[in-house]
Amino acid sequence: MNPNPIVQYLNKHPEQLTKEDLILFIEDHDIQMVNFRYAGWDGRLKTLNFVISSREHLENILVAGERVDGSSLFPFVEAGSSDLYVIPRYKTAFVNPFSEIPTLDILCSYYDRDGNALEGAPENLVKKAHDAFKKVTGYEFETMGELEYYIISEDDSHFKAHDQRGYHESSPFTNWENFRTHAMKLIAEAGGMIKYGHSEVGNFTKEGFAYEQNEIEFLPTNVEDSADQLVKAKWIIRTLAEQYGFALTFAPKITVGKAGSGLHIHTRVMKGEKNLMTQNGELSEVARKAIAGYMALAPSLTAFGNTNPTSYFRLVPHQEAPTNICWGDRNRSVLVRVPLGWSTPTNMINSVNPQESGDVIDLSDKQTVEFRCPDGSADIYLLLAGLTVAARHGFEMKDALKVASDTYVDINIFDEEHKEKQASLAQLPTSCNDSADELMKHKDIYKKYNVFPESVLKSLSDFLKRYQDKGLIAKIEDDDNKVMDLVNKYFYCG
C-alpha cells in the first residue's frame, strides 16, 4: 500500500533500492530526465537537471554523481578548493509531480575531492549525530515534524471561521482543505510518511486578504529519513502553492497579535521496534534523560531552529509558544511537552463500537515528547542534528534526572499566581544575536564525536550576528509598520 510509485512497482522497501532498480523503473516508465536535489546553506533544495541520452549516460549519473561548486552553496567551503561531488541516495528517489517531462528526482549527499563525506554537509551532520547517539546509548533516535504554514488569498469566502479559532475547522469554513490534501498526496508519493493534516488556529482577514493556517504532521521514523521527508515536503508545498496561484509562507510570524507558525519536532528513543519513552505507564528514565539534554542545550538549539529576527516575535507569552526552559505534560506553554500518549492500556474502540469485542490494548508505543521552540525558519538538517546531539548529551549528563526534575512544571507558568515559578526558570534567547552567543558557549558539546565541525558552528554564529537584532523586539513591538517591514523581509524564510 506504499503510495510511492517506485516502491509500488519494484515491490521493495526504499532502503533496498539499487541502481539497477532505478534504471528498470526509468526504462519501463519512459522517464526522460533525472534531477539531483541537495540542500544548500539556506536550507532549500538545489537542483541539477540531466536529460537521459543513453543507458550508459544514466548509469554514469547514478554511479559517479556530478561536480558542484561548494563555495557557492556553503560559506565554510573555500573558493580555492570548492569542487564537491553530489552522490544520489537511491532510497530517496521519487517521481517529480510537477515536471511536464517525466522526471525522477533523487536527494544527494555531498562528498569532497578525496571521496569522503563532506564534514559540514547538512545531511552528513544528521548521520554523524545519529551514529554518535547510537554508539553512546545503544538506541536509535526517531523524530517527526509538524509543518505549519499560512496561505494568503483574496478574501472572497462567504463562510468565515472565528478569528484565531480555526483549529480543525472544516469546509466551508476553511478554504484550502483541498490544497492541503493535494499536497499530502504528493508528499506521500514522494516518500513522506504522513500522520495527518488539518487546519490550524490561525485565521484572519486583513486589507482584503484571507489568511488561513494549516498543518501537516508526519509519522515518527529514524532522524535521517525524517529530515529528508521534511525538506521534500516544504519544496512540494511551496511548488504546489505556486501552481495554485497564491502566496504561502512558513514564516514564524506574519502579523502582530496572531498565531505564529512553528515547526514542532516530536522525538522518541527506540531499541529495535520497542519505544523506550514509557515504563509501567509512566514516562521512563530514558525519556527524562533525553528531555534533560533538551533543557541543557535549549538556548543554543535556537540557533538551528529560530534563524531570523521574526522568530523571536513568536516566542512570546500567551501565544502557545515557549519562552521559559521547562517541560510538562500536555502544557502548550512549555518548551518540551509530553502529549497525551495512550499510557493506560484500554479498549476504547469497544466502547464506541460494541460490535468490536477486542482485547485491552497497550498503545504506549505511540508516546513521544515534543520540542516546541523551532519554527519555519529552521534549517531542518541542522536542527535535527542538534536535537540528536542534545538527546545524546542527556544520556551523558551525570545529573540528567535532577535537571529533568528541576525543570518540570505542572502549571500554566504565565498565570499571575505562578510568576515566582516563572521567574525561577531560565529563559530562551530573545534574539538571533543571543542565540549565536549561546551556540558558541555549547560548541564543544556539538563538536564532540566530530559531529559538527567548528567551521559550521562559526559560520552559523556569524550569520546570526549579522542581524544585529539584540533588543529589537522591545524597540519595535508597538510599531506595526516596522514589524510588518520585518515580516515582509523574511516572508519566504527557511
Protein backbone atom coordinates (compact mmCIF):
# COMPACT_ATOMS: atom_id res chain seq x y z
CA MET A 1 0.00 0.00 0.00
CA ASN A 2 3.03 2.33 -0.17
CA PRO A 3 1.93 5.38 -2.23
CA ASN A 4 5.38 5.92 -3.76
CA PRO A 5 5.02 4.57 -7.36
CA ILE A 6 8.69 3.49 -7.44
CA VAL A 7 8.26 1.38 -4.31
CA GLN A 8 4.96 0.01 -5.62
CA TYR A 9 6.38 -1.01 -8.98
CA LEU A 10 9.57 -2.60 -7.67
CA ASN A 11 7.89 -4.06 -4.57
CA LYS A 12 10.90 -3.16 -2.46
CA HIS A 13 11.45 -1.12 0.67
CA PRO A 14 13.18 2.19 -0.21
CA GLU A 15 16.29 1.14 1.76
CA GLN A 16 16.71 -1.81 -0.64
CA LEU A 17 16.59 0.15 -3.90
CA THR A 18 19.61 -0.37 -6.15
CA LYS A 19 20.96 1.35 -9.23
CA GLU A 20 19.51 -1.43 -11.40
CA ASP A 21 16.10 -0.99 -9.74
CA LEU A 22 16.03 2.71 -10.65
CA ILE A 23 17.18 2.00 -14.21
CA LEU A 24 14.41 -0.58 -14.60
CA PHE A 25 11.78 1.88 -13.37
CA ILE A 26 13.14 4.64 -15.61
CA GLU A 27 13.11 2.40 -18.70
CA ASP A 28 9.67 0.92 -18.05
CA HIS A 29 8.05 4.30 -17.33
CA ASP A 30 9.67 6.32 -20.12
CA ILE A 31 11.41 8.64 -17.64
CA GLN A 32 13.34 11.17 -19.71
CA MET A 33 15.08 13.27 -17.08
CA VAL A 34 16.80 12.88 -13.71
CA ASN A 35 17.04 15.73 -11.17
CA PHE A 36 19.66 15.73 -8.42
CA ARG A 37 18.48 17.69 -5.37
CA TYR A 38 20.59 18.72 -2.38
CA ALA A 39 20.26 21.20 0.47
CA GLY A 40 22.25 24.44 0.48
CA TRP A 41 23.23 26.69 3.39
CA ASP A 42 19.83 28.39 3.20
CA GLY A 43 18.10 25.05 3.85
CA ARG A 44 16.41 24.96 0.45
CA LEU A 45 16.76 22.21 -2.13
CA LYS A 46 19.04 23.00 -5.05
CA THR A 47 18.66 21.27 -8.42
CA LEU A 48 20.81 19.80 -11.18
CA ASN A 49 18.91 18.58 -14.29
CA PHE A 50 20.01 15.72 -16.55
CA VAL A 51 18.43 14.69 -19.86
CA ILE A 52 18.93 10.95 -20.21
CA SER A 53 20.67 10.33 -23.54
CA SER A 54 21.54 6.64 -23.19
CA ARG A 55 21.66 3.79 -20.70
CA GLU A 56 25.41 4.34 -20.35
CA HIS A 57 24.79 8.02 -19.56
CA LEU A 58 22.15 7.09 -16.98
CA GLU A 59 24.43 4.55 -15.29
CA ASN A 60 27.21 7.13 -15.12
CA ILE A 61 24.90 9.68 -13.47
CA LEU A 62 23.69 7.19 -10.89
CA VAL A 63 27.17 5.88 -10.04
CA ALA A 64 29.53 8.85 -10.37
CA GLY A 65 27.19 11.67 -9.40
CA GLU A 66 28.33 15.11 -10.54
CA ARG A 67 30.53 18.06 -9.52
CA VAL A 68 29.15 21.25 -7.96
CA ASP A 69 30.70 24.47 -6.65
CA GLY A 70 30.66 24.10 -2.89
CA SER A 71 31.73 27.69 -2.21
CA SER A 72 28.50 28.90 -3.85
CA LEU A 73 26.49 26.61 -1.57
CA PHE A 74 28.23 26.90 1.82
CA PRO A 75 30.14 29.75 3.50
CA PHE A 76 32.56 27.31 5.16
CA VAL A 77 33.79 25.91 1.81
CA GLU A 78 36.72 27.93 0.46
CA ALA A 79 36.68 29.03 -3.17
CA GLY A 80 40.20 27.67 -3.72
CA SER A 81 39.07 24.08 -3.05
CA SER A 82 35.38 24.33 -3.75
CA ASP A 83 34.70 21.36 -6.03
CA LEU A 84 32.37 18.85 -4.39
CA TYR A 85 30.65 15.72 -5.61
CA VAL A 86 26.89 15.20 -5.19
CA ILE A 87 26.12 11.47 -4.97
CA PRO A 88 22.50 10.22 -5.22
CA ARG A 89 20.90 8.35 -2.31
CA TYR A 90 18.73 5.82 -4.12
CA LYS A 91 16.27 5.36 -1.24
CA THR A 92 15.12 8.98 -1.62
CA ALA A 93 14.07 8.67 -5.30
CA PHE A 94 10.60 9.90 -6.29
CA VAL A 95 8.72 10.84 -9.44
CA ASN A 96 8.63 14.60 -9.84
CA PRO A 97 4.94 15.54 -9.52
CA PHE A 98 5.27 18.89 -11.29
CA SER A 99 7.51 18.35 -14.31
CA GLU A 100 5.80 18.17 -17.73
CA ILE A 101 8.67 15.93 -18.81
CA PRO A 102 8.60 12.54 -16.99
CA THR A 103 11.32 13.04 -14.39
CA LEU A 104 12.87 11.13 -11.50
CA ASP A 105 14.22 13.21 -8.58
CA ILE A 106 16.82 11.95 -6.10
CA LEU A 107 18.26 13.58 -2.98
CA CYS A 108 22.06 13.63 -2.85
CA SER A 109 24.88 13.63 -0.34
CA TYR A 110 28.00 15.80 -0.62
CA TYR A 111 31.50 14.32 -0.91
CA ASP A 112 34.88 16.05 -1.05
CA ARG A 113 37.64 15.64 -3.63
CA ASP A 114 39.10 12.68 -1.72
CA GLY A 115 35.83 10.78 -1.82
CA ASN A 116 34.95 11.40 1.83
CA ALA A 117 31.57 12.62 3.05
CA LEU A 118 31.78 16.40 3.42
CA GLU A 119 32.25 17.11 7.13
CA GLY A 120 29.82 20.02 7.28
CA ALA A 121 27.23 18.83 4.75
CA PRO A 122 23.69 19.14 6.19
CA GLU A 123 22.66 15.52 5.58
CA ASN A 124 26.03 14.29 6.91
CA LEU A 125 25.60 16.23 10.16
CA VAL A 126 22.38 14.33 10.84
CA LYS A 127 24.03 11.00 10.01
CA LYS A 128 27.04 11.69 12.24
CA ALA A 129 24.81 12.87 15.09
CA HIS A 130 22.71 9.71 14.82
CA ASP A 131 25.77 7.45 14.60
CA ALA A 132 27.15 9.05 17.77
CA PHE A 133 23.78 8.70 19.53
CA LYS A 134 23.61 5.00 18.65
CA LYS A 135 27.21 4.39 19.74
CA VAL A 136 26.81 6.12 23.11
CA THR A 137 23.35 4.82 24.04
CA GLY A 138 22.84 1.62 22.07
CA TYR A 139 19.48 3.04 20.95
CA GLU A 140 18.10 4.75 17.87
CA PHE A 141 16.63 8.24 17.67
CA GLU A 142 13.38 8.93 15.85
CA THR A 143 11.67 12.22 15.07
CA MET A 144 8.61 13.56 13.34
CA GLY A 145 7.82 17.12 12.34
CA GLU A 146 4.74 19.33 12.25
CA LEU A 147 4.83 21.70 9.26
CA GLU A 148 2.67 24.77 9.88
CA TYR A 149 2.10 27.31 7.13
CA TYR A 150 -0.17 30.20 6.18
CA ILE A 151 -1.99 30.54 2.86
CA ILE A 152 -2.81 34.12 1.84
CA SER A 153 -5.51 34.63 -0.78
CA GLU A 154 -8.19 37.13 -1.75
CA ASP A 155 -10.97 37.34 0.81
CA ASP A 156 -13.91 36.05 -1.24
CA SER A 157 -15.33 33.44 1.13
CA HIS A 158 -18.92 33.66 2.37
CA PHE A 159 -18.17 31.38 5.32
CA LYS A 160 -15.63 32.54 7.87
CA ALA A 161 -14.25 30.80 10.95
CA HIS A 162 -13.95 32.94 14.08
CA ASP A 163 -10.72 34.91 14.28
CA GLN A 164 -7.94 32.72 15.78
CA ARG A 165 -10.39 29.83 16.13
CA GLY A 166 -9.60 27.84 13.00
CA TYR A 167 -8.32 24.72 14.78
CA HIS A 168 -9.51 21.59 12.91
CA GLU A 169 -12.16 23.64 11.10
CA SER A 170 -13.94 22.01 8.14
CA SER A 171 -15.22 23.31 4.83
CA PRO A 172 -16.91 25.61 4.03
CA PHE A 173 -15.36 27.45 7.00
CA THR A 174 -11.90 26.61 5.71
CA ASN A 175 -10.93 27.49 2.15
CA TRP A 176 -7.86 25.39 1.49
CA GLU A 177 -8.58 21.86 2.64
CA ASN A 178 -8.36 20.64 -0.96
CA PHE A 179 -4.91 22.20 -1.34
CA ARG A 180 -3.75 20.57 1.88
CA THR A 181 -4.96 17.10 0.89
CA HIS A 182 -3.47 17.52 -2.58
CA ALA A 183 -0.11 18.40 -1.00
CA MET A 184 -0.38 15.43 1.37
CA LYS A 185 -0.95 13.06 -1.55
CA LEU A 186 2.10 14.37 -3.42
CA ILE A 187 4.29 14.25 -0.31
CA ALA A 188 3.26 10.65 0.37
CA GLU A 189 4.01 9.68 -3.22
CA ALA A 190 7.46 11.24 -2.77
CA GLY A 191 8.17 9.03 0.25
CA GLY A 192 6.76 11.14 3.10
CA MET A 193 5.20 9.20 5.98
CA ILE A 194 2.25 11.42 6.89
CA LYS A 195 0.27 11.12 10.10
CA TYR A 196 -2.48 13.63 9.27
CA GLY A 197 -3.30 17.14 8.13
CA HIS A 198 -5.70 19.77 9.48
CA SER A 199 -6.46 23.47 9.65
CA GLU A 200 -4.76 25.31 12.50
CA VAL A 201 -5.69 28.07 14.93
CA GLY A 202 -4.55 30.99 12.81
CA ASN A 203 -7.13 32.59 10.52
CA PHE A 204 -7.98 36.23 9.96
CA THR A 205 -8.70 38.79 7.27
CA LYS A 206 -6.66 41.90 6.63
CA GLU A 207 -6.86 44.53 3.88
CA GLY A 208 -8.96 42.36 1.59
CA PHE A 209 -6.92 39.18 2.05
CA ALA A 210 -7.75 35.99 3.94
CA TYR A 211 -5.01 34.33 6.00
CA GLU A 212 -5.51 30.64 6.77
CA GLN A 213 -3.14 28.47 8.78
CA ASN A 214 -2.77 24.73 8.12
CA GLU A 215 -0.59 21.91 9.39
CA ILE A 216 0.74 18.62 8.01
CA GLU A 217 2.18 16.25 10.60
CA PHE A 218 4.42 13.28 9.92
CA LEU A 219 4.88 9.84 11.45
CA PRO A 220 7.99 9.08 13.51
CA THR A 221 10.91 7.49 11.70
CA ASN A 222 14.68 7.48 12.09
CA VAL A 223 16.00 11.02 12.28
CA GLU A 224 17.90 10.82 8.98
CA ASP A 225 14.84 9.87 6.92
CA SER A 226 12.71 12.32 8.89
CA ALA A 227 14.95 15.21 7.79
CA ASP A 228 14.75 14.17 4.13
CA GLN A 229 10.95 13.94 4.29
CA LEU A 230 10.52 17.40 5.78
CA VAL A 231 12.80 19.02 3.21
CA LYS A 232 10.95 17.31 0.34
CA ALA A 233 7.61 18.30 1.85
CA LYS A 234 8.48 22.01 2.09
CA TRP A 235 9.56 22.00 -1.56
CA ILE A 236 6.34 20.25 -2.64
CA ILE A 237 4.06 22.54 -0.61
CA ARG A 238 5.69 25.68 -1.98
CA THR A 239 5.75 24.49 -5.59
CA LEU A 240 2.11 23.42 -5.40
CA ALA A 241 1.14 26.82 -3.97
CA GLU A 242 2.82 28.48 -6.93
CA GLN A 243 0.68 26.35 -9.26
CA TYR A 244 -2.48 27.26 -7.35
CA GLY A 245 -1.52 30.92 -7.65
CA PHE A 246 -1.48 32.10 -4.04
CA ALA A 247 1.14 33.12 -1.51
CA LEU A 248 2.22 30.59 1.11
CA THR A 249 4.67 31.08 3.95
CA PHE A 250 6.30 29.05 6.71
CA ALA A 251 7.44 32.28 8.37
CA PRO A 252 7.32 32.20 12.19
CA LYS A 253 5.27 35.39 12.44
CA ILE A 254 3.28 37.19 9.76
CA THR A 255 1.44 39.86 11.73
CA VAL A 256 1.11 41.24 15.24
CA GLY A 257 -1.24 39.54 17.70
CA LYS A 258 -2.00 36.45 15.58
CA ALA A 259 -0.80 32.87 15.89
CA GLY A 260 2.67 32.22 14.52
CA SER A 261 3.80 29.09 12.70
CA GLY A 262 6.04 26.63 14.48
CA LEU A 263 7.95 23.57 13.37
CA HIS A 264 7.37 21.37 16.40
CA ILE A 265 9.52 18.24 16.47
CA HIS A 266 8.35 15.09 18.26
CA THR A 267 11.11 12.75 19.41
CA ARG A 268 11.39 9.26 20.78
CA VAL A 269 14.14 6.77 21.66
CA MET A 270 13.86 3.27 20.22
CA LYS A 271 15.50 -0.11 20.79
CA GLY A 272 14.61 -2.09 17.70
CA GLU A 273 10.83 -1.88 17.44
CA LYS A 274 10.35 -1.01 21.12
CA ASN A 275 9.58 2.57 22.16
CA LEU A 276 11.54 3.35 25.34
CA MET A 277 9.71 6.55 26.28
CA THR A 278 7.41 4.91 28.82
CA GLN A 279 7.76 2.26 31.51
CA ASN A 280 4.90 0.87 33.58
CA GLY A 281 2.56 3.54 32.22
CA GLU A 282 4.84 6.45 33.17
CA LEU A 283 7.50 8.48 31.43
CA SER A 284 10.71 6.45 31.57
CA GLU A 285 14.19 7.39 32.75
CA VAL A 286 15.26 7.16 29.12
CA ALA A 287 12.73 9.84 28.18
CA ARG A 288 13.68 12.07 31.09
CA LYS A 289 17.39 11.86 30.22
CA ALA A 290 16.64 12.94 26.66
CA ILE A 291 14.49 15.79 27.99
CA ALA A 292 17.33 16.86 30.30
CA GLY A 293 19.55 17.13 27.23
CA TYR A 294 16.98 19.35 25.53
CA MET A 295 16.81 21.53 28.64
CA ALA A 296 20.60 21.84 28.84
CA LEU A 297 21.11 22.78 25.17
CA ALA A 298 17.84 24.66 24.63
CA PRO A 299 19.46 28.13 24.41
CA SER A 300 21.79 27.04 21.59
CA LEU A 301 19.24 24.87 19.77
CA THR A 302 17.51 28.11 18.82
CA ALA A 303 20.50 28.80 16.54
CA PHE A 304 19.31 25.92 14.35
CA GLY A 305 15.57 26.27 14.81
CA ASN A 306 14.90 30.03 15.06
CA THR A 307 17.08 31.69 12.47
CA ASN A 308 15.77 35.18 11.75
CA PRO A 309 14.54 38.13 13.87
CA THR A 310 10.84 37.35 13.35
CA SER A 311 11.38 34.03 15.13
CA TYR A 312 11.59 35.89 18.42
CA PHE A 313 8.32 37.75 17.86
CA ARG A 314 6.69 34.30 18.02
CA LEU A 315 8.41 33.24 21.25
CA VAL A 316 6.33 35.48 23.49
CA PRO A 317 3.87 34.73 26.32
CA HIS A 318 0.25 33.72 25.70
CA GLN A 319 0.77 32.55 22.08
CA GLU A 320 1.15 28.78 22.74
CA ALA A 321 4.88 29.24 22.19
CA PRO A 322 7.60 28.75 24.82
CA THR A 323 9.68 31.45 26.48
CA ASN A 324 10.99 29.51 29.51
CA ILE A 325 13.22 26.44 29.57
CA CYS A 326 10.93 23.90 31.17
CA TRP A 327 8.78 20.89 30.31
CA GLY A 328 5.45 19.43 31.32
CA ASP A 329 2.53 17.20 30.46
CA ARG A 330 0.15 18.38 27.74
CA ASN A 331 1.06 22.01 28.52
CA ARG A 332 1.49 24.13 25.38
CA SER A 333 3.31 26.95 27.17
CA VAL A 334 6.37 24.81 27.90
CA LEU A 335 9.44 24.20 25.76
CA VAL A 336 9.06 20.41 25.80
CA ARG A 337 5.58 18.98 26.01
CA VAL A 338 4.66 15.39 26.81
CA PRO A 339 1.48 14.88 24.77
CA LEU A 340 -1.30 12.52 25.69
CA GLY A 341 0.21 9.14 24.92
CA TRP A 342 -2.26 6.30 25.45
CA SER A 343 -0.23 5.37 28.55
CA THR A 344 -3.09 3.38 30.13
CA PRO A 345 -3.97 0.12 28.36
CA THR A 346 -7.57 0.39 27.27
CA ASN A 347 -10.26 -0.80 24.87
CA MET A 348 -11.97 2.46 23.92
CA ILE A 349 -12.80 1.10 20.49
CA ASN A 350 -15.19 -1.42 22.05
CA SER A 351 -16.92 1.35 23.99
CA VAL A 352 -17.56 3.24 20.76
CA ASN A 353 -18.17 0.16 18.59
CA PRO A 354 -19.81 -2.56 20.71
CA GLN A 355 -19.68 -4.95 17.75
CA GLU A 356 -15.89 -4.96 18.18
CA SER A 357 -15.08 -7.10 21.20
CA GLY A 358 -11.28 -6.96 21.11
CA ASP A 359 -8.83 -7.00 23.98
CA VAL A 360 -7.40 -4.31 26.18
CA ILE A 361 -4.63 -2.83 24.05
CA ASP A 362 -1.38 -1.21 25.19
CA LEU A 363 -0.74 1.71 22.84
CA SER A 364 2.09 3.26 24.84
CA ASP A 365 4.41 2.75 21.86
CA LYS A 366 2.88 5.96 20.47
CA GLN A 367 4.48 8.13 23.18
CA THR A 368 6.74 10.97 22.06
CA VAL A 369 7.98 14.20 23.61
CA GLU A 370 7.56 17.39 21.60
CA PHE A 371 10.20 20.12 21.25
CA ARG A 372 8.10 23.26 20.60
CA CYS A 373 10.64 26.02 20.08
CA PRO A 374 11.59 25.75 16.35
CA ASP A 375 9.74 27.46 13.52
CA GLY A 376 9.63 27.52 9.74
CA SER A 377 12.88 29.45 9.50
CA ALA A 378 14.75 26.39 10.80
CA ASP A 379 17.47 24.65 8.86
CA ILE A 380 15.87 21.20 9.10
CA TYR A 381 19.06 19.15 8.83
CA LEU A 382 20.98 21.26 11.34
CA LEU A 383 18.01 21.35 13.71
CA LEU A 384 17.53 17.58 13.73
CA ALA A 385 21.27 17.03 14.07
CA GLY A 386 21.29 19.45 17.02
CA LEU A 387 18.34 17.73 18.70
CA THR A 388 20.04 14.35 18.28
CA VAL A 389 23.18 15.77 19.93
CA ALA A 390 21.04 17.18 22.76
CA ALA A 391 19.32 13.83 23.36
CA ARG A 392 22.71 12.08 23.44
CA HIS A 393 24.05 14.74 25.80
CA GLY A 394 21.21 13.95 28.17
CA PHE A 395 22.47 10.37 28.49
CA GLU A 396 25.98 11.65 29.20
CA MET A 397 24.95 14.17 31.87
CA LYS A 398 25.64 12.90 35.40
CA ASP A 399 22.76 14.93 36.83
CA ALA A 400 20.27 14.39 33.98
CA LEU A 401 17.42 13.12 36.12
CA LYS A 402 17.85 16.02 38.57
CA VAL A 403 17.82 18.52 35.70
CA ALA A 404 14.63 16.89 34.40
CA SER A 405 13.05 17.07 37.86
CA ASP A 406 14.06 20.71 38.45
CA THR A 407 12.69 21.91 35.09
CA TYR A 408 9.35 20.07 35.26
CA VAL A 409 6.22 22.20 35.68
CA ASP A 410 2.60 21.11 36.06
CA ILE A 411 1.12 24.62 35.92
CA ASN A 412 0.48 27.35 33.36
CA ILE A 413 3.57 29.40 34.07
CA PHE A 414 2.00 32.50 32.54
CA ASP A 415 -0.70 32.68 35.22
CA GLU A 416 -0.21 35.59 37.60
CA GLU A 417 -0.27 33.29 40.62
CA HIS A 418 2.78 31.39 39.30
CA LYS A 419 5.00 34.36 38.43
CA GLU A 420 7.59 33.38 41.06
CA LYS A 421 7.98 29.95 39.47
CA GLN A 422 8.32 31.53 36.05
CA ALA A 423 10.99 33.88 37.34
CA SER A 424 12.99 30.92 38.64
CA LEU A 425 13.17 29.28 35.21
CA ALA A 426 15.86 30.02 32.64
CA GLN A 427 14.74 31.95 29.57
CA LEU A 428 15.16 31.18 25.89
CA PRO A 429 17.17 33.71 23.87
CA THR A 430 15.22 36.72 22.63
CA SER A 431 17.25 37.46 19.51
CA CYS A 432 19.43 35.85 16.86
CA ASN A 433 22.36 37.67 18.44
CA ASP A 434 21.80 35.98 21.81
CA SER A 435 21.20 32.65 20.13
CA ALA A 436 24.58 32.90 18.40
CA ASP A 437 26.28 33.58 21.73
CA GLU A 438 24.64 30.51 23.27
CA LEU A 439 25.71 28.37 20.32
CA MET A 440 29.37 29.23 20.86
CA LYS A 441 29.05 28.54 24.61
CA HIS A 442 27.91 25.00 23.79
CA LYS A 443 30.12 24.43 20.77
CA ASP A 444 32.27 21.73 22.42
CA ILE A 445 29.19 19.58 23.01
CA TYR A 446 28.17 19.86 19.34
CA LYS A 447 31.75 19.19 18.18
CA LYS A 448 32.08 16.04 20.32
CA TYR A 449 32.48 12.80 18.32
CA ASN A 450 33.24 15.00 15.29
CA VAL A 451 29.54 15.70 14.67
CA PHE A 452 29.59 19.47 14.00
CA PRO A 453 32.79 20.97 12.56
CA GLU A 454 33.87 24.24 14.15
CA SER A 455 33.64 25.90 10.72
CA VAL A 456 29.89 25.20 10.52
CA LEU A 457 29.21 26.50 14.03
CA LYS A 458 31.31 29.61 13.43
CA SER A 459 29.64 30.29 10.06
CA LEU A 460 26.19 29.94 11.65
CA SER A 461 27.12 32.19 14.56
CA ASP A 462 28.46 34.85 12.19
CA PHE A 463 25.31 34.57 10.07
CA LEU A 464 23.04 35.13 13.09
CA LYS A 465 25.14 38.01 14.41
CA ARG A 466 24.70 39.92 11.14
CA TYR A 467 21.06 40.57 12.01
CA GLN A 468 22.15 42.86 14.87
CA ASP A 469 18.76 42.28 16.46
CA LYS A 470 19.61 42.34 20.15
CA GLY A 471 16.77 44.19 21.88
CA LEU A 472 14.85 44.59 18.62
CA ILE A 473 11.55 43.26 19.96
CA ALA A 474 11.35 45.89 22.69
CA LYS A 475 12.20 48.63 20.20
CA ILE A 476 9.58 47.93 17.54
CA GLU A 477 6.90 45.63 19.03
CA ASP A 478 4.43 48.52 19.30
CA ASP A 479 5.11 49.79 15.78
CA ASP A 480 3.02 47.70 13.36
CA ASN A 481 4.67 49.21 10.28
CA LYS A 482 8.18 48.31 11.40
CA VAL A 483 7.10 44.83 12.42
CA MET A 484 5.44 44.27 9.04
CA ASP A 485 8.54 45.52 7.22
CA LEU A 486 10.48 42.82 9.05
CA VAL A 487 7.83 40.18 8.32
CA ASN A 488 7.87 41.01 4.61
CA LYS A 489 11.66 40.84 4.52
CA TYR A 490 11.70 37.25 5.81
CA PHE A 491 8.37 36.09 4.37
CA TYR A 492 9.97 33.22 2.40
CA CYS A 493 12.45 32.12 5.06
CA GLY A 494 13.51 28.52 5.51
